[in-house]
């Protein structure tokens, strides 16, 4: 592994289907362009909200986003509870489609759209296509285990939302 994972993130059980893609991503450099000014970021990075029902997945994807040049903000879905960050400006959101518990992805996305109306939502799932129930709300879809695709999709969504000025 040669240090490509943070010390406590390598657990073959929860991420076993995603290790190959993550291993390749963590050993690569990912860059992106954005039309935003540095003043809109935390430390010059766009803030991306990540929502999942698994704390270890949140930690892993937060690390992926940091590596990709973003400032991650995490929110854990705990049964039917979800606490969105208050007072933060979010540039985009990544939502896991399969949320255990009584709160579903559609309700989570509706809450995001209420709290952060300008933030595009990217749905993350094990499925091979965007689920029909979230399609009207989502700007993009990414399969889990494809971190480079996730980073590039976030960049494309942010760039299309705010194209660079000539």
Protein backbone atom coordinates (compact mmCIF):
# COMPACT_ATOMS: atom_id res chain seq x y z
CA UNK A 1 0.00 0.00 0.00
CA UNK A 2 3.00 2.30 0.56
CA UNK A 3 1.16 5.00 2.48
CA UNK A 4 -1.53 5.76 -0.05
CA UNK A 5 -4.32 5.42 2.53
CA UNK A 6 -4.58 7.34 5.79
CA UNK A 7 -3.48 5.01 8.63
CA UNK A 8 -6.96 4.13 9.89
CA UNK A 9 -8.85 4.12 6.56
CA UNK A 10 -7.65 0.78 5.16
CA UNK A 11 -10.28 -1.75 6.08
CA UNK A 12 -10.82 -4.34 3.34
CA UNK A 13 -14.35 -5.14 4.45
CA UNK A 14 -16.33 -1.91 3.91
CA UNK A 15 -14.34 -0.72 0.91
CA UNK A 16 -13.34 -4.02 -0.68
CA UNK A 17 -15.25 -3.31 -3.90
CA UNK A 18 -13.66 0.11 -4.24
CA UNK A 19 -10.01 -0.44 -3.33
CA UNK A 20 -8.54 -0.67 -6.83
CA UNK A 21 -9.99 2.66 -7.97
CA UNK A 22 -9.08 4.34 -4.70
CA UNK A 23 -5.55 2.97 -4.80
CA UNK A 24 -5.04 4.41 -8.30
CA UNK A 25 -6.57 7.75 -7.33
CA UNK A 26 -4.56 8.26 -4.17
CA UNK A 27 -1.34 7.74 -6.07
CA UNK A 28 -2.27 10.23 -8.83
CA UNK A 29 -2.47 13.98 -8.97
CA UNK A 30 -5.85 15.47 -9.90
CA UNK A 31 -6.22 19.08 -10.94
CA UNK A 32 -9.18 21.16 -12.04
CA UNK A 33 -10.01 24.69 -13.14
CA UNK A 34 -12.78 26.74 -11.63
CA UNK A 35 -14.45 30.04 -12.41
CA UNK A 36 -14.71 30.97 -8.75
CA UNK A 37 -12.56 33.59 -7.09
CA UNK A 38 -10.35 32.52 -4.20
CA UNK A 39 -12.39 34.64 -1.79
CA UNK A 40 -15.37 32.26 -2.11
CA UNK A 41 -13.38 29.26 -0.86
CA UNK A 42 -12.00 27.97 2.40
CA UNK A 43 -8.26 28.32 1.94
CA UNK A 44 -8.83 28.79 -1.80
CA UNK A 45 -10.85 25.59 -2.18
CA UNK A 46 -14.53 25.16 -3.08
CA UNK A 47 -16.56 23.70 -0.20
CA UNK A 48 -18.29 20.42 -0.99
CA UNK A 49 -20.86 18.90 1.37
CA UNK A 50 -20.70 15.09 1.60
CA UNK A 51 -23.69 13.21 3.03
CA UNK A 52 -23.62 9.51 3.89
CA UNK A 53 -24.94 7.16 6.55
CA UNK A 54 -21.55 5.57 7.21
CA UNK A 55 -18.97 7.58 9.16
CA UNK A 56 -16.05 5.65 7.66
CA UNK A 57 -17.30 6.40 4.13
CA UNK A 58 -17.60 10.09 5.05
CA UNK A 59 -14.03 10.09 6.29
CA UNK A 60 -12.76 8.34 3.16
CA UNK A 61 -14.61 10.59 0.72
CA UNK A 62 -13.58 13.69 2.68
CA UNK A 63 -10.00 12.58 2.21
CA UNK A 64 -10.62 11.98 -1.53
CA UNK A 65 -12.07 15.49 -1.89
CA UNK A 66 -9.17 17.07 0.01
CA UNK A 67 -6.75 15.24 -2.25
CA UNK A 68 -8.73 16.51 -5.26
CA UNK A 69 -8.48 20.14 -4.17
CA UNK A 70 -11.78 20.66 -2.34
CA UNK A 71 -12.70 21.62 1.21
CA UNK A 72 -15.03 18.83 2.39
CA UNK A 73 -17.85 19.43 4.85
CA UNK A 74 -19.43 16.21 6.14
CA UNK A 75 -22.91 15.40 7.40
CA UNK A 76 -23.87 12.01 8.80
CA UNK A 77 -27.37 10.61 8.29
CA UNK A 78 -28.19 8.86 11.54
CA UNK A 79 -31.47 6.93 11.25
CA UNK A 80 -33.96 9.70 10.48
CA UNK A 81 -31.72 12.55 11.64
CA UNK A 82 -29.59 14.81 9.47
CA UNK A 83 -27.85 17.95 10.67
CA UNK A 84 -26.83 20.17 7.76
CA UNK A 85 -24.05 22.68 8.43
CA UNK A 86 -25.48 26.04 9.47
CA UNK A 87 -24.13 29.29 8.13
CA UNK A 88 -21.75 27.62 5.68
CA UNK A 89 -21.64 28.48 2.02
CA UNK A 90 -21.61 25.22 0.08
CA UNK A 91 -20.53 25.13 -3.57
CA UNK A 92 -21.72 21.56 -4.29
CA UNK A 93 -23.08 18.50 -2.48
CA UNK A 94 -22.35 14.80 -2.88
CA UNK A 95 -25.10 12.51 -1.57
CA UNK A 96 -24.97 8.75 -1.14
CA UNK A 97 -28.11 7.30 -2.69
CA UNK A 98 -28.41 4.31 -0.36
CA UNK A 99 -28.96 5.85 3.05
CA UNK A 100 -29.87 3.37 5.77
CA UNK A 101 -32.66 4.43 8.05
CA UNK A 102 -35.89 6.28 7.57
CA UNK A 103 -34.57 9.25 5.61
CA UNK A 104 -34.04 8.75 1.89
CA UNK A 105 -31.87 10.42 -0.71
CA UNK A 106 -34.78 12.44 -2.15
CA UNK A 107 -35.60 13.97 1.24
CA UNK A 108 -31.93 14.72 1.87
CA UNK A 109 -31.59 16.41 -1.52
CA UNK A 110 -34.74 18.46 -0.88
CA UNK A 111 -33.22 19.63 2.43
CA UNK A 112 -29.99 20.54 0.65
CA UNK A 113 -31.90 22.50 -2.00
CA UNK A 114 -33.77 24.38 0.75
CA UNK A 115 -30.61 25.21 2.72
CA UNK A 116 -28.28 25.76 -0.26
CA UNK A 117 -30.43 26.50 -3.34
CA UNK A 118 -27.48 27.29 -5.63
CA UNK A 119 -25.48 24.16 -4.76
CA UNK A 120 -25.60 21.44 -7.43
CA UNK A 121 -26.11 17.90 -6.10
CA UNK A 122 -24.11 14.89 -7.26
CA UNK A 123 -25.57 11.48 -6.45
CA UNK A 124 -23.15 8.72 -5.47
CA UNK A 125 -24.32 5.10 -5.76
CA UNK A 126 -23.38 1.49 -6.41
CA UNK A 127 -25.94 1.44 -9.22
CA UNK A 128 -24.89 1.71 -12.87
CA UNK A 129 -27.31 4.57 -13.64
CA UNK A 130 -28.94 7.52 -11.94
CA UNK A 131 -31.98 6.36 -9.96
CA UNK A 132 -35.22 7.81 -11.39
CA UNK A 133 -36.43 9.29 -8.09
CA UNK A 134 -33.41 11.59 -7.69
CA UNK A 135 -32.81 12.41 -11.37
CA UNK A 136 -34.92 15.61 -11.34
CA UNK A 137 -32.88 17.00 -8.44
CA UNK A 138 -29.35 15.93 -9.35
CA UNK A 139 -26.78 17.67 -11.53
CA UNK A 140 -24.76 14.47 -12.01
CA UNK A 141 -24.33 10.83 -11.04
CA UNK A 142 -21.13 8.96 -10.09
CA UNK A 143 -20.65 5.31 -9.25
CA UNK A 144 -18.97 4.58 -5.94
CA UNK A 145 -15.36 3.48 -6.12
CA UNK A 146 -14.47 5.95 -8.88
CA UNK A 147 -12.79 8.80 -6.98
CA UNK A 148 -11.14 10.39 -10.01
CA UNK A 149 -14.50 10.44 -11.80
CA UNK A 150 -16.05 12.03 -8.71
CA UNK A 151 -13.40 14.78 -8.59
CA UNK A 152 -13.70 15.45 -12.32
CA UNK A 153 -17.50 15.48 -12.11
CA UNK A 154 -17.46 18.00 -9.27
CA UNK A 155 -15.08 20.20 -11.29
CA UNK A 156 -17.29 19.95 -14.40
CA UNK A 157 -20.46 20.74 -12.44
CA UNK A 158 -18.84 23.74 -10.73
CA UNK A 159 -17.33 24.98 -14.00
CA UNK A 160 -20.68 24.73 -15.82
CA UNK A 161 -22.41 26.54 -12.94
CA UNK A 162 -19.94 29.43 -13.02
CA UNK A 163 -17.93 29.45 -16.26
CA UNK A 164 -14.67 31.40 -16.29
CA UNK A 165 -14.93 35.00 -17.50
CA UNK A 166 -13.09 35.81 -20.79
